[in-house]
Amino acid sequence: MTSPATGRPLRADALRNRARILQAAEAVFAEQGTSASTEDVARRAGVGIGTVFRHFPAKESLIEAVFTELMRRLADEADALVSAPDPGEALFALLARMVDMSAAKNAYADALAAAGVDMDEALAEGRRELPRVLGILLTRAQEAGAVRPDIGVPELVTLMVGMSRAAETAPPDVRSRTFQVVFDGLRTPVEP
């Protein structure tokens, strides 16, 4: 990791500050929305506002870094699920995680788009990686007999988009029951 100001590698203390700022920003934005002030982020991180701006020259760069970190963590979780012992549960866990993260992801994406960030570019890697990992998990789940064979990645993505939009307004208990209905529909039917 290099300093945006100097282009030189960051010192260990600067890397720690950057990580604290990102962690604090994610928490502050989750509580207050992306319109929260960078001063609130600095306070939560225990650093001065100058330290925040040394790492993130504009609020949009901070939002973009939090968004990128959120998407990286999701990709890491998805990659870990590829080798899970129960392929069906791994697929359902990823789908649920993606829906749970959708409100935050949409808020960051909306804030970045409003700031003029090219979202096609910002989401390009995820748009390549998501179908690949979903395809692997889906194939494993179908081969294990856990998911019906007539479902493909396009159907999964469509279901996730619909579930994500519905989850933004549904209370947690309704969202949980809806997950079960959708997941039951994806499972291989049991012969009577």
N, C-alpha and C. Protein backbone atom coordinates (compact mmCIF):
# COMPACT_ATOMS: atom_id res chain seq x y z
N MET A 1 0.86 -1.17 0.00
CA MET A 1 0.00 0.00 0.00
C MET A 1 0.90 1.23 0.00
N THR A 2 0.58 2.18 -0.88
CA THR A 2 1.37 3.40 -0.97
C THR A 2 0.55 4.61 -0.54
N SER A 3 1.25 5.64 -0.14
CA SER A 3 0.61 6.89 0.27
C SER A 3 0.07 7.61 -0.95
N PRO A 4 -1.20 8.08 -0.91
CA PRO A 4 -1.73 8.83 -2.04
C PRO A 4 -0.98 10.14 -2.26
N ALA A 5 -0.42 10.70 -1.19
CA ALA A 5 0.26 11.99 -1.29
C ALA A 5 1.67 11.86 -1.85
N THR A 6 2.41 10.82 -1.40
CA THR A 6 3.83 10.72 -1.79
C THR A 6 4.12 9.60 -2.76
N GLY A 7 3.24 8.60 -2.84
CA GLY A 7 3.50 7.45 -3.70
C GLY A 7 4.45 6.45 -3.08
N ARG A 8 4.92 6.72 -1.86
CA ARG A 8 5.84 5.81 -1.18
C ARG A 8 5.06 4.80 -0.35
N PRO A 9 5.68 3.66 -0.04
CA PRO A 9 5.00 2.68 0.83
C PRO A 9 4.67 3.29 2.19
N LEU A 10 3.52 2.90 2.73
CA LEU A 10 3.10 3.41 4.04
C LEU A 10 3.88 2.72 5.15
N ARG A 11 4.19 3.47 6.19
CA ARG A 11 4.82 2.91 7.38
C ARG A 11 3.79 2.05 8.11
N ALA A 12 4.27 1.24 9.04
CA ALA A 12 3.39 0.34 9.78
C ALA A 12 2.33 1.12 10.55
N ASP A 13 2.71 2.25 11.19
CA ASP A 13 1.72 3.02 11.95
C ASP A 13 0.68 3.65 11.01
N ALA A 14 1.11 4.06 9.84
CA ALA A 14 0.17 4.63 8.86
C ALA A 14 -0.80 3.55 8.36
N LEU A 15 -0.30 2.34 8.18
CA LEU A 15 -1.19 1.23 7.77
C LEU A 15 -2.22 0.94 8.86
N ARG A 16 -1.78 0.98 10.11
CA ARG A 16 -2.72 0.75 11.23
C ARG A 16 -3.78 1.86 11.27
N ASN A 17 -3.34 3.11 11.09
CA ASN A 17 -4.29 4.23 11.08
C ASN A 17 -5.29 4.08 9.94
N ARG A 18 -4.81 3.70 8.78
CA ARG A 18 -5.70 3.52 7.63
C ARG A 18 -6.74 2.45 7.92
N ALA A 19 -6.31 1.34 8.50
CA ALA A 19 -7.24 0.25 8.83
C ALA A 19 -8.25 0.72 9.87
N ARG A 20 -7.80 1.49 10.88
CA ARG A 20 -8.73 2.01 11.89
C ARG A 20 -9.74 2.97 11.27
N ILE A 21 -9.26 3.80 10.35
CA ILE A 21 -10.17 4.75 9.68
C ILE A 21 -11.22 4.00 8.88
N LEU A 22 -10.81 2.99 8.13
CA LEU A 22 -11.77 2.21 7.34
C LEU A 22 -12.78 1.51 8.24
N GLN A 23 -12.31 0.92 9.32
CA GLN A 23 -13.22 0.24 10.25
C GLN A 23 -14.20 1.24 10.87
N ALA A 24 -13.69 2.38 11.28
CA ALA A 24 -14.54 3.41 11.87
C ALA A 24 -15.54 3.94 10.84
N ALA A 25 -15.07 4.17 9.62
CA ALA A 25 -15.96 4.69 8.58
C ALA A 25 -17.09 3.72 8.29
N GLU A 26 -16.78 2.44 8.23
CA GLU A 26 -17.83 1.46 7.98
C GLU A 26 -18.88 1.50 9.10
N ALA A 27 -18.43 1.59 10.33
CA ALA A 27 -19.36 1.64 11.46
C ALA A 27 -20.18 2.93 11.45
N VAL A 28 -19.53 4.06 11.22
CA VAL A 28 -20.23 5.34 11.21
C VAL A 28 -21.23 5.39 10.06
N PHE A 29 -20.82 4.95 8.88
CA PHE A 29 -21.73 4.96 7.73
C PHE A 29 -22.91 4.01 7.95
N ALA A 30 -22.66 2.89 8.63
CA ALA A 30 -23.76 1.95 8.92
C ALA A 30 -24.77 2.58 9.87
N GLU A 31 -24.28 3.36 10.83
CA GLU A 31 -25.17 3.99 11.81
C GLU A 31 -25.86 5.24 11.27
N GLN A 32 -25.11 6.08 10.53
CA GLN A 32 -25.61 7.40 10.15
C GLN A 32 -25.85 7.57 8.65
N GLY A 33 -25.44 6.59 7.85
CA GLY A 33 -25.55 6.74 6.41
C GLY A 33 -24.29 7.37 5.85
N THR A 34 -24.18 7.35 4.53
CA THR A 34 -22.97 7.85 3.88
C THR A 34 -22.84 9.36 3.93
N SER A 35 -23.87 10.04 4.40
CA SER A 35 -23.77 11.49 4.55
C SER A 35 -23.10 11.88 5.86
N ALA A 36 -22.75 10.92 6.70
CA ALA A 36 -22.06 11.20 7.96
C ALA A 36 -20.77 11.96 7.68
N SER A 37 -20.34 12.74 8.63
CA SER A 37 -19.16 13.59 8.42
C SER A 37 -17.86 12.81 8.61
N THR A 38 -16.83 13.29 7.93
CA THR A 38 -15.50 12.70 8.11
C THR A 38 -14.98 12.99 9.51
N GLU A 39 -15.46 14.06 10.14
CA GLU A 39 -15.08 14.34 11.52
C GLU A 39 -15.57 13.23 12.45
N ASP A 40 -16.80 12.75 12.20
CA ASP A 40 -17.31 11.64 13.01
C ASP A 40 -16.46 10.39 12.81
N VAL A 41 -16.02 10.17 11.59
CA VAL A 41 -15.16 9.01 11.29
C VAL A 41 -13.83 9.17 12.03
N ALA A 42 -13.24 10.36 11.97
CA ALA A 42 -11.96 10.60 12.64
C ALA A 42 -12.09 10.38 14.15
N ARG A 43 -13.17 10.91 14.73
CA ARG A 43 -13.40 10.73 16.17
C ARG A 43 -13.50 9.25 16.52
N ARG A 44 -14.30 8.51 15.75
CA ARG A 44 -14.48 7.08 16.02
C ARG A 44 -13.16 6.32 15.87
N ALA A 45 -12.34 6.72 14.91
CA ALA A 45 -11.06 6.05 14.67
C ALA A 45 -9.99 6.47 15.68
N GLY A 46 -10.24 7.57 16.40
CA GLY A 46 -9.25 8.05 17.36
C GLY A 46 -8.07 8.73 16.70
N VAL A 47 -8.32 9.36 15.54
CA VAL A 47 -7.27 10.08 14.82
C VAL A 47 -7.76 11.49 14.51
N GLY A 48 -6.86 12.34 14.10
CA GLY A 48 -7.24 13.69 13.70
C GLY A 48 -7.81 13.69 12.29
N ILE A 49 -8.56 14.73 11.97
CA ILE A 49 -9.16 14.84 10.64
C ILE A 49 -8.09 14.90 9.55
N GLY A 50 -6.93 15.51 9.89
CA GLY A 50 -5.82 15.56 8.92
C GLY A 50 -5.33 14.17 8.54
N THR A 51 -5.33 13.26 9.51
CA THR A 51 -4.92 11.88 9.23
C THR A 51 -5.89 11.22 8.27
N VAL A 52 -7.18 11.47 8.47
CA VAL A 52 -8.18 10.91 7.55
C VAL A 52 -7.92 11.41 6.14
N PHE A 53 -7.71 12.73 6.01
CA PHE A 53 -7.53 13.31 4.67
C PHE A 53 -6.17 12.96 4.06
N ARG A 54 -5.17 12.62 4.86
CA ARG A 54 -3.91 12.15 4.28
C ARG A 54 -4.11 10.80 3.58
N HIS A 55 -4.97 9.99 4.15
CA HIS A 55 -5.23 8.67 3.54
C HIS A 55 -6.31 8.75 2.47
N PHE A 56 -7.28 9.61 2.69
CA PHE A 56 -8.44 9.71 1.79
C PHE A 56 -8.69 11.19 1.51
N PRO A 57 -8.11 11.71 0.41
CA PRO A 57 -8.16 13.16 0.14
C PRO A 57 -9.57 13.74 0.00
N ALA A 58 -10.53 12.90 -0.32
CA ALA A 58 -11.92 13.36 -0.44
C ALA A 58 -12.82 12.32 0.22
N LYS A 59 -13.97 12.77 0.68
CA LYS A 59 -14.90 11.84 1.32
C LYS A 59 -15.28 10.71 0.37
N GLU A 60 -15.40 11.02 -0.93
CA GLU A 60 -15.75 9.99 -1.90
C GLU A 60 -14.69 8.89 -1.95
N SER A 61 -13.41 9.27 -1.78
CA SER A 61 -12.37 8.24 -1.79
C SER A 61 -12.48 7.35 -0.55
N LEU A 62 -12.93 7.92 0.57
CA LEU A 62 -13.15 7.13 1.78
C LEU A 62 -14.33 6.17 1.57
N ILE A 63 -15.43 6.68 1.02
CA ILE A 63 -16.59 5.83 0.75
C ILE A 63 -16.20 4.72 -0.22
N GLU A 64 -15.44 5.07 -1.25
CA GLU A 64 -15.03 4.06 -2.23
C GLU A 64 -14.14 3.00 -1.59
N ALA A 65 -13.25 3.40 -0.69
CA ALA A 65 -12.38 2.44 -0.02
C ALA A 65 -13.18 1.50 0.88
N VAL A 66 -14.18 2.05 1.59
CA VAL A 66 -15.03 1.21 2.45
C VAL A 66 -15.81 0.23 1.58
N PHE A 67 -16.37 0.73 0.48
CA PHE A 67 -17.13 -0.11 -0.46
C PHE A 67 -16.24 -1.22 -1.03
N THR A 68 -15.04 -0.86 -1.44
CA THR A 68 -14.11 -1.84 -2.00
C THR A 68 -13.75 -2.90 -0.96
N GLU A 69 -13.52 -2.48 0.28
CA GLU A 69 -13.19 -3.42 1.35
C GLU A 69 -14.38 -4.35 1.63
N LEU A 70 -15.57 -3.81 1.64
CA LEU A 70 -16.78 -4.61 1.84
C LEU A 70 -16.90 -5.68 0.75
N MET A 71 -16.68 -5.29 -0.49
CA MET A 71 -16.78 -6.23 -1.60
C MET A 71 -15.64 -7.26 -1.56
N ARG A 72 -14.45 -6.84 -1.13
CA ARG A 72 -13.33 -7.77 -1.02
C ARG A 72 -13.63 -8.84 0.03
N ARG A 73 -14.19 -8.40 1.17
CA ARG A 73 -14.54 -9.37 2.22
C ARG A 73 -15.59 -10.35 1.73
N LEU A 74 -16.57 -9.87 0.98
CA LEU A 74 -17.58 -10.76 0.43
C LEU A 74 -16.94 -11.77 -0.52
N ALA A 75 -16.03 -11.31 -1.36
CA ALA A 75 -15.34 -12.22 -2.28
C ALA A 75 -14.53 -13.26 -1.51
N ASP A 76 -13.87 -12.85 -0.43
CA ASP A 76 -13.11 -13.80 0.40
C ASP A 76 -14.04 -14.83 1.03
N GLU A 77 -15.19 -14.37 1.53
CA GLU A 77 -16.17 -15.29 2.12
C GLU A 77 -16.66 -16.29 1.06
N ALA A 78 -16.94 -15.78 -0.14
CA ALA A 78 -17.42 -16.64 -1.22
C ALA A 78 -16.36 -17.68 -1.58
N ASP A 79 -15.12 -17.25 -1.70
CA ASP A 79 -14.04 -18.19 -2.02
C ASP A 79 -13.89 -19.26 -0.95
N ALA A 80 -14.05 -18.89 0.31
CA ALA A 80 -13.95 -19.87 1.40
C ALA A 80 -15.08 -20.89 1.33
N LEU A 81 -16.25 -20.45 0.89
CA LEU A 81 -17.40 -21.36 0.81
C LEU A 81 -17.27 -22.39 -0.30
N VAL A 82 -16.44 -22.11 -1.30
CA VAL A 82 -16.27 -23.04 -2.42
C VAL A 82 -15.80 -24.41 -1.94
N SER A 83 -15.02 -24.45 -0.87
CA SER A 83 -14.52 -25.73 -0.38
C SER A 83 -15.27 -26.23 0.85
N ALA A 84 -16.41 -25.64 1.15
CA ALA A 84 -17.20 -26.07 2.32
C ALA A 84 -17.69 -27.51 2.12
N PRO A 85 -17.80 -28.27 3.21
CA PRO A 85 -18.19 -29.67 3.09
C PRO A 85 -19.64 -29.89 2.61
N ASP A 86 -20.53 -28.95 2.88
CA ASP A 86 -21.93 -29.09 2.45
C ASP A 86 -22.20 -28.06 1.36
N PRO A 87 -22.14 -28.47 0.09
CA PRO A 87 -22.27 -27.52 -1.02
C PRO A 87 -23.60 -26.76 -1.04
N GLY A 88 -24.69 -27.43 -0.67
CA GLY A 88 -26.00 -26.77 -0.68
C GLY A 88 -26.05 -25.66 0.36
N GLU A 89 -25.63 -25.98 1.58
CA GLU A 89 -25.63 -24.97 2.64
C GLU A 89 -24.66 -23.84 2.34
N ALA A 90 -23.54 -24.16 1.67
CA ALA A 90 -22.58 -23.12 1.29
C ALA A 90 -23.22 -22.14 0.31
N LEU A 91 -23.93 -22.66 -0.67
CA LEU A 91 -24.61 -21.79 -1.64
C LEU A 91 -25.65 -20.92 -0.95
N PHE A 92 -26.47 -21.52 -0.09
CA PHE A 92 -27.51 -20.76 0.60
C PHE A 92 -26.90 -19.72 1.55
N ALA A 93 -25.78 -20.07 2.19
CA ALA A 93 -25.10 -19.11 3.07
C ALA A 93 -24.61 -17.90 2.28
N LEU A 94 -24.05 -18.14 1.09
CA LEU A 94 -23.58 -17.02 0.28
C LEU A 94 -24.75 -16.15 -0.18
N LEU A 95 -25.81 -16.79 -0.64
CA LEU A 95 -26.98 -16.02 -1.09
C LEU A 95 -27.53 -15.16 0.06
N ALA A 96 -27.64 -15.74 1.24
CA ALA A 96 -28.15 -14.97 2.39
C ALA A 96 -27.21 -13.84 2.75
N ARG A 97 -25.92 -14.09 2.72
CA ARG A 97 -24.92 -13.05 3.04
C ARG A 97 -25.01 -11.90 2.04
N MET A 98 -25.16 -12.25 0.77
CA MET A 98 -25.23 -11.21 -0.25
C MET A 98 -26.49 -10.34 -0.08
N VAL A 99 -27.58 -10.98 0.25
CA VAL A 99 -28.82 -10.22 0.47
C VAL A 99 -28.68 -9.35 1.73
N ASP A 100 -28.08 -9.90 2.79
CA ASP A 100 -27.88 -9.13 4.02
C ASP A 100 -27.01 -7.90 3.78
N MET A 101 -26.04 -8.01 2.88
CA MET A 101 -25.14 -6.89 2.61
C MET A 101 -25.71 -5.90 1.59
N SER A 102 -26.81 -6.25 0.96
CA SER A 102 -27.28 -5.45 -0.17
C SER A 102 -27.62 -4.01 0.19
N ALA A 103 -28.22 -3.77 1.33
CA ALA A 103 -28.59 -2.40 1.68
C ALA A 103 -27.36 -1.52 1.81
N ALA A 104 -26.33 -2.03 2.48
CA ALA A 104 -25.09 -1.26 2.62
C ALA A 104 -24.43 -1.08 1.26
N LYS A 105 -24.36 -2.14 0.48
CA LYS A 105 -23.75 -2.06 -0.86
C LYS A 105 -24.47 -1.03 -1.71
N ASN A 106 -25.80 -1.06 -1.68
CA ASN A 106 -26.58 -0.10 -2.49
C ASN A 106 -26.37 1.33 -2.02
N ALA A 107 -26.27 1.54 -0.71
CA ALA A 107 -26.05 2.90 -0.18
C ALA A 107 -24.70 3.44 -0.63
N TYR A 108 -23.65 2.60 -0.56
CA TYR A 108 -22.33 3.04 -1.01
C TYR A 108 -22.34 3.29 -2.51
N ALA A 109 -22.94 2.39 -3.26
CA ALA A 109 -22.98 2.56 -4.72
C ALA A 109 -23.73 3.82 -5.10
N ASP A 110 -24.85 4.10 -4.44
CA ASP A 110 -25.62 5.31 -4.72
C ASP A 110 -24.80 6.56 -4.41
N ALA A 111 -24.11 6.57 -3.27
CA ALA A 111 -23.29 7.74 -2.89
C ALA A 111 -22.16 7.95 -3.88
N LEU A 112 -21.54 6.86 -4.31
CA LEU A 112 -20.43 6.99 -5.27
C LEU A 112 -20.93 7.44 -6.64
N ALA A 113 -22.05 6.89 -7.07
CA ALA A 113 -22.62 7.31 -8.36
C ALA A 113 -22.99 8.79 -8.32
N ALA A 114 -23.56 9.25 -7.20
CA ALA A 114 -23.92 10.67 -7.06
C ALA A 114 -22.68 11.56 -7.08
N ALA A 115 -21.54 11.02 -6.64
CA ALA A 115 -20.29 11.78 -6.64
C ALA A 115 -19.58 11.71 -7.99
N GLY A 116 -20.18 10.99 -8.93
CA GLY A 116 -19.59 10.92 -10.27
C GLY A 116 -18.62 9.78 -10.50
N VAL A 117 -18.54 8.85 -9.55
CA VAL A 117 -17.67 7.69 -9.72
C VAL A 117 -18.28 6.76 -10.76
N ASP A 118 -17.46 6.27 -11.68
CA ASP A 118 -17.92 5.34 -12.70
C ASP A 118 -18.18 3.98 -12.05
N MET A 119 -19.45 3.68 -11.80
CA MET A 119 -19.78 2.45 -11.08
C MET A 119 -19.54 1.20 -11.92
N ASP A 120 -19.60 1.32 -13.24
CA ASP A 120 -19.27 0.15 -14.07
C ASP A 120 -17.83 -0.27 -13.81
N GLU A 121 -16.95 0.70 -13.70
CA GLU A 121 -15.54 0.40 -13.43
C GLU A 121 -15.36 -0.08 -12.00
N ALA A 122 -16.04 0.57 -11.05
CA ALA A 122 -15.89 0.21 -9.64
C ALA A 122 -16.40 -1.20 -9.36
N LEU A 123 -17.41 -1.63 -10.10
CA LEU A 123 -18.01 -2.95 -9.87
C LEU A 123 -17.52 -4.02 -10.84
N ALA A 124 -16.62 -3.66 -11.76
CA ALA A 124 -16.21 -4.58 -12.82
C ALA A 124 -15.69 -5.91 -12.29
N GLU A 125 -14.78 -5.86 -11.31
CA GLU A 125 -14.21 -7.10 -10.80
C GLU A 125 -15.28 -7.97 -10.15
N GLY A 126 -16.15 -7.36 -9.36
CA GLY A 126 -17.22 -8.11 -8.72
C GLY A 126 -18.17 -8.73 -9.71
N ARG A 127 -18.44 -8.02 -10.79
CA ARG A 127 -19.35 -8.56 -11.81
C ARG A 127 -18.74 -9.73 -12.55
N ARG A 128 -17.41 -9.81 -12.56
CA ARG A 128 -16.74 -10.98 -13.16
C ARG A 128 -16.67 -12.11 -12.14
N GLU A 129 -16.33 -11.75 -10.91
CA GLU A 129 -16.06 -12.75 -9.88
C GLU A 129 -17.34 -13.39 -9.36
N LEU A 130 -18.38 -12.63 -9.16
CA LEU A 130 -19.62 -13.16 -8.59
C LEU A 130 -20.19 -14.31 -9.43
N PRO A 131 -20.39 -14.14 -10.73
CA PRO A 131 -20.93 -15.27 -11.51
C PRO A 131 -20.02 -16.50 -11.49
N ARG A 132 -18.71 -16.27 -11.46
CA ARG A 132 -17.78 -17.40 -11.43
C ARG A 132 -17.97 -18.21 -10.14
N VAL A 133 -17.97 -17.53 -9.00
CA VAL A 133 -18.10 -18.23 -7.72
C VAL A 133 -19.49 -18.83 -7.57
N LEU A 134 -20.52 -18.07 -7.98
CA LEU A 134 -21.88 -18.63 -7.92
C LEU A 134 -21.98 -19.88 -8.78
N GLY A 135 -21.35 -19.86 -9.96
CA GLY A 135 -21.37 -21.02 -10.84
C GLY A 135 -20.73 -22.24 -10.20
N ILE A 136 -19.60 -22.03 -9.54
CA ILE A 136 -18.91 -23.14 -8.85
C ILE A 136 -19.79 -23.69 -7.73
N LEU A 137 -20.30 -22.78 -6.89
CA LEU A 137 -21.14 -23.23 -5.77
C LEU A 137 -22.41 -23.91 -6.26
N LEU A 138 -23.03 -23.35 -7.28
CA LEU A 138 -24.25 -23.94 -7.82
C LEU A 138 -23.98 -25.33 -8.39
N THR A 139 -22.93 -25.48 -9.16
CA THR A 139 -22.59 -26.79 -9.74
C THR A 139 -22.33 -27.82 -8.65
N ARG A 140 -21.57 -27.42 -7.64
CA ARG A 140 -21.30 -28.35 -6.53
C ARG A 140 -22.60 -28.75 -5.82
N ALA A 141 -23.48 -27.76 -5.58
CA ALA A 141 -24.75 -28.05 -4.89
C ALA A 141 -25.64 -28.94 -5.74
N GLN A 142 -25.66 -28.72 -7.05
CA GLN A 142 -26.46 -29.57 -7.93
C GLN A 142 -25.89 -30.97 -8.01
N GLU A 143 -24.59 -31.08 -8.08
CA GLU A 143 -23.96 -32.41 -8.12
C GLU A 143 -24.19 -33.18 -6.83
N ALA A 144 -24.33 -32.47 -5.73
CA ALA A 144 -24.59 -33.11 -4.44
C ALA A 144 -26.08 -33.42 -4.26
N GLY A 145 -26.91 -32.99 -5.22
CA GLY A 145 -28.34 -33.24 -5.14
C GLY A 145 -29.09 -32.28 -4.22
N ALA A 146 -28.44 -31.20 -3.83
CA ALA A 146 -29.05 -30.26 -2.90
C ALA A 146 -29.88 -29.18 -3.60
N VAL A 147 -29.59 -28.92 -4.86
CA VAL A 147 -30.27 -27.86 -5.61
C VAL A 147 -30.78 -28.44 -6.92
N ARG A 148 -31.97 -28.05 -7.28
CA ARG A 148 -32.59 -28.57 -8.51
C ARG A 148 -31.71 -28.28 -9.72
N PRO A 149 -31.72 -29.18 -10.69
CA PRO A 149 -30.80 -29.06 -11.82
C PRO A 149 -31.20 -28.04 -12.89
N ASP A 150 -32.42 -27.51 -12.83
CA ASP A 150 -32.88 -26.60 -13.88
C ASP A 150 -32.65 -25.12 -13.54
N ILE A 151 -31.82 -24.85 -12.53
CA ILE A 151 -31.49 -23.48 -12.12
C ILE A 151 -30.09 -23.16 -12.61
N GLY A 152 -29.91 -21.95 -13.11
CA GLY A 152 -28.59 -21.48 -13.54
C GLY A 152 -28.22 -20.21 -12.81
N VAL A 153 -27.02 -19.73 -13.09
CA VAL A 153 -26.54 -18.51 -12.47
C VAL A 153 -27.45 -17.32 -12.78
N PRO A 154 -27.95 -17.15 -14.02
CA PRO A 154 -28.84 -16.00 -14.26
C PRO A 154 -30.08 -16.00 -13.35
N GLU A 155 -30.64 -17.17 -13.09
CA GLU A 155 -31.80 -17.24 -12.19
C GLU A 155 -31.41 -16.88 -10.76
N LEU A 156 -30.22 -17.35 -10.33
CA LEU A 156 -29.76 -17.02 -8.97
C LEU A 156 -29.56 -15.51 -8.82
N VAL A 157 -28.94 -14.90 -9.82
CA VAL A 157 -28.69 -13.45 -9.75
C VAL A 157 -30.03 -12.71 -9.72
N THR A 158 -30.98 -13.12 -10.53
CA THR A 158 -32.30 -12.48 -10.54
C THR A 158 -32.98 -12.63 -9.19
N LEU A 159 -32.93 -13.82 -8.61
CA LEU A 159 -33.50 -14.03 -7.27
C LEU A 159 -32.83 -13.15 -6.22
N MET A 160 -31.51 -13.04 -6.29
CA MET A 160 -30.79 -12.23 -5.32
C MET A 160 -31.15 -10.75 -5.44
N VAL A 161 -31.28 -10.28 -6.66
CA VAL A 161 -31.66 -8.87 -6.85
C VAL A 161 -33.05 -8.63 -6.24
N GLY A 162 -33.99 -9.51 -6.54
CA GLY A 162 -35.33 -9.36 -5.99
C GLY A 162 -35.36 -9.47 -4.48
N MET A 163 -34.62 -10.45 -3.94
CA MET A 163 -34.57 -10.61 -2.49
C MET A 163 -33.89 -9.42 -1.83
N SER A 164 -32.88 -8.89 -2.49
CA SER A 164 -32.15 -7.74 -1.93
C SER A 164 -33.05 -6.52 -1.84
N ARG A 165 -33.80 -6.26 -2.88
CA ARG A 165 -34.71 -5.10 -2.86
C ARG A 165 -35.80 -5.29 -1.80
N ALA A 166 -36.33 -6.50 -1.71
CA ALA A 166 -37.37 -6.76 -0.71
C ALA A 166 -36.81 -6.68 0.71
N ALA A 167 -35.57 -7.12 0.89
CA ALA A 167 -34.97 -7.14 2.22
C ALA A 167 -34.73 -5.73 2.76
N GLU A 168 -34.65 -4.75 1.88
CA GLU A 168 -34.41 -3.38 2.34
C GLU A 168 -35.57 -2.85 3.19
N THR A 169 -36.78 -3.37 2.97
CA THR A 169 -37.94 -2.86 3.69
C THR A 169 -38.58 -3.89 4.62
N ALA A 170 -38.22 -5.16 4.48
CA ALA A 170 -38.86 -6.21 5.28
C ALA A 170 -38.25 -6.29 6.67
N PRO A 171 -39.07 -6.52 7.68
CA PRO A 171 -38.52 -6.76 9.03
C PRO A 171 -37.70 -8.06 9.02
N PRO A 172 -36.75 -8.19 9.94
CA PRO A 172 -35.87 -9.37 9.95
C PRO A 172 -36.60 -10.71 9.95
N ASP A 173 -37.70 -10.84 10.71
CA ASP A 173 -38.39 -12.13 10.76
C ASP A 173 -39.04 -12.45 9.41
N VAL A 174 -39.58 -11.47 8.73
CA VAL A 174 -40.18 -11.68 7.41
C VAL A 174 -39.08 -12.03 6.41
N ARG A 175 -37.96 -11.32 6.49
CA ARG A 175 -36.83 -11.59 5.59
C ARG A 175 -36.34 -13.02 5.76
N SER A 176 -36.23 -13.48 7.01
CA SER A 176 -35.77 -14.83 7.29
C SER A 176 -36.72 -15.88 6.72
N ARG A 177 -38.02 -15.67 6.92
CA ARG A 177 -39.00 -16.62 6.37
C ARG A 177 -38.99 -16.60 4.84
N THR A 178 -38.79 -15.43 4.26
CA THR A 178 -38.73 -15.32 2.80
C THR A 178 -37.52 -16.07 2.26
N PHE A 179 -36.38 -15.96 2.95
CA PHE A 179 -35.20 -16.74 2.56
C PHE A 179 -35.56 -18.21 2.49
N GLN A 180 -36.24 -18.71 3.52
CA GLN A 180 -36.56 -20.13 3.57
C GLN A 180 -37.48 -20.54 2.42
N VAL A 181 -38.45 -19.69 2.08
CA VAL A 181 -39.34 -20.00 0.96
C VAL A 181 -38.54 -20.08 -0.34
N VAL A 182 -37.68 -19.10 -0.57
CA VAL A 182 -36.87 -19.09 -1.80
C VAL A 182 -35.91 -20.27 -1.80
N PHE A 183 -35.24 -20.51 -0.68
CA PHE A 183 -34.30 -21.63 -0.62
C PHE A 183 -35.01 -22.96 -0.81
N ASP A 184 -36.20 -23.11 -0.24
CA ASP A 184 -36.98 -24.34 -0.46
C ASP A 184 -37.31 -24.52 -1.93
N GLY A 185 -37.59 -23.43 -2.62
CA GLY A 185 -37.87 -23.50 -4.06
C GLY A 185 -36.65 -23.88 -4.88
N LEU A 186 -35.45 -23.60 -4.38
CA LEU A 186 -34.22 -23.95 -5.09
C LEU A 186 -33.79 -25.39 -4.82
N ARG A 187 -34.23 -25.96 -3.71
CA ARG A 187 -33.82 -27.31 -3.35
C ARG A 187 -34.40 -28.34 -4.32
N THR A 188 -33.69 -29.43 -4.44
CA THR A 188 -34.18 -30.54 -5.24
C THR A 188 -35.44 -31.08 -4.59
N PRO A 189 -36.54 -31.18 -5.36
CA PRO A 189 -37.79 -31.69 -4.75
C PRO A 189 -37.61 -33.11 -4.24
N VAL A 190 -38.23 -33.36 -3.11
CA VAL A 190 -38.18 -34.71 -2.52
C VAL A 190 -39.33 -35.50 -3.13
N GLU A 191 -39.01 -36.67 -3.64
CA GLU A 191 -40.03 -37.55 -4.23
C GLU A 191 -40.92 -38.11 -3.13
N PRO A 192 -42.27 -38.11 -3.33
CA PRO A 192 -43.16 -38.65 -2.29
C PRO A 192 -43.04 -40.16 -2.17
